[in-house]
């Protein structure tokens, strides 16, 4: 009788271990643990992530500024009295800052 109880407990334990192993596989924890063993791979990935964020930020900001300048030139060409003078001064300031 004790053997049957012991076998049931062992089966439950094995079943729990299998479920836990499946969850670990799905969660990607094993990959994280493997990658954390090599600190240079983490440093390299973080470096590449930082470079890509910097490039993305630069490209995005350039596009936004170009669109704003294009809209400002369009407003200047509409020749709205007070607004045109103000925008012309703004354009002169922007061009004076450029190298």
Protein backbone atom coordinates (compact mmCIF):
# COMPACT_ATOMS: atom_id res chain seq x y z
CA UNK A 1 0.00 0.00 0.00
CA UNK A 2 2.78 2.39 0.80
CA UNK A 3 4.35 1.58 -2.55
CA UNK A 4 1.15 2.59 -4.39
CA UNK A 5 1.00 5.88 -2.51
CA UNK A 6 4.65 6.47 -3.16
CA UNK A 7 4.19 5.74 -6.87
CA UNK A 8 1.23 8.16 -7.05
CA UNK A 9 3.28 10.88 -5.39
CA UNK A 10 6.17 10.24 -7.76
CA UNK A 11 3.82 10.37 -10.76
CA UNK A 12 2.36 13.66 -9.55
CA UNK A 13 5.84 15.01 -9.01
CA UNK A 14 6.96 13.94 -12.49
CA UNK A 15 3.81 15.45 -13.98
CA UNK A 16 4.50 18.73 -12.15
CA UNK A 17 8.10 18.72 -13.35
CA UNK A 18 6.99 18.14 -16.95
CA UNK A 19 4.48 21.02 -16.73
CA UNK A 20 7.14 23.29 -15.26
CA UNK A 21 9.59 22.31 -17.99
CA UNK A 22 6.99 23.09 -20.66
CA UNK A 23 6.29 26.50 -19.11
CA UNK A 24 10.00 27.30 -19.00
CA UNK A 25 10.35 26.36 -22.68
CA UNK A 26 7.40 28.57 -23.66
CA UNK A 27 8.54 31.54 -21.58
CA UNK A 28 12.01 31.66 -23.13
CA UNK A 29 13.65 31.55 -19.72
CA UNK A 30 16.10 28.93 -20.91
CA UNK A 31 17.31 31.22 -23.73
CA UNK A 32 17.71 34.08 -21.27
CA UNK A 33 19.74 31.94 -18.90
CA UNK A 34 21.97 30.73 -21.76
CA UNK A 35 22.57 34.27 -22.99
CA UNK A 36 23.32 35.57 -19.50
CA UNK A 37 26.21 33.15 -19.25
CA UNK A 38 28.06 35.17 -21.89
CA UNK A 39 28.23 38.83 -20.80
CA UNK A 40 29.82 39.94 -24.09
CA UNK A 41 26.74 38.87 -26.03
CA UNK A 42 24.59 40.97 -23.70
CA UNK A 43 26.90 43.95 -24.11
CA UNK A 44 26.89 43.52 -27.91
CA UNK A 45 23.08 43.26 -28.06
CA UNK A 46 22.64 46.33 -25.88
CA UNK A 47 25.15 48.25 -28.00
CA UNK A 48 23.30 47.35 -31.19
CA UNK A 49 19.98 48.29 -29.59
CA UNK A 50 21.38 51.67 -28.57
CA UNK A 51 22.79 52.34 -32.02
CA UNK A 52 19.52 51.43 -33.70
CA UNK A 53 17.56 53.67 -31.32
CA UNK A 54 19.95 56.53 -32.01
CA UNK A 55 19.69 56.10 -35.77
CA UNK A 56 15.91 55.83 -35.57
CA UNK A 57 15.68 58.95 -33.45
CA UNK A 58 17.91 60.88 -35.85
CA UNK A 59 16.01 59.81 -38.95
CA UNK A 60 12.65 60.45 -37.31
CA UNK A 61 13.62 63.90 -36.06
CA UNK A 62 15.00 64.80 -39.50
CA UNK A 63 11.73 63.83 -41.16
CA UNK A 64 9.64 65.78 -38.64
CA UNK A 65 11.80 68.91 -38.98
CA UNK A 66 11.69 68.66 -42.79
CA UNK A 67 7.88 68.44 -42.73
CA UNK A 68 7.65 71.43 -40.38
CA UNK A 69 9.94 73.51 -42.61
CA UNK A 70 7.94 72.50 -45.70
CA UNK A 71 4.71 73.60 -43.98
CA UNK A 72 6.33 76.89 -42.94
CA UNK A 73 7.44 77.59 -46.53
CA UNK A 74 3.89 76.86 -47.67
CA UNK A 75 2.52 79.34 -45.13
CA UNK A 76 5.02 81.96 -46.27
CA UNK A 77 3.93 81.55 -49.88
CA UNK A 78 0.29 82.07 -48.87
CA UNK A 79 1.37 85.63 -48.05
CA UNK A 80 -0.67 86.14 -44.87
CA UNK A 81 0.31 89.66 -43.67
CA UNK A 82 1.54 89.33 -40.06
CA UNK A 83 2.26 85.60 -40.22
CA UNK A 84 4.46 85.90 -43.32
CA UNK A 85 6.74 88.46 -41.66
CA UNK A 86 7.02 86.33 -38.53
CA UNK A 87 7.79 83.18 -40.50
CA UNK A 88 10.35 84.98 -42.67
CA UNK A 89 12.20 86.03 -39.52
CA UNK A 90 12.04 82.45 -38.27
CA UNK A 91 13.46 81.13 -41.55
CA UNK A 92 16.27 83.68 -41.42
CA UNK A 93 17.11 82.58 -37.87
CA UNK A 94 17.12 78.91 -38.89
CA UNK A 95 19.36 79.55 -41.89
CA UNK A 96 21.78 81.63 -39.80
CA UNK A 97 22.27 78.70 -37.40
CA UNK A 98 23.04 76.21 -40.17
CA UNK A 99 26.77 75.81 -40.95
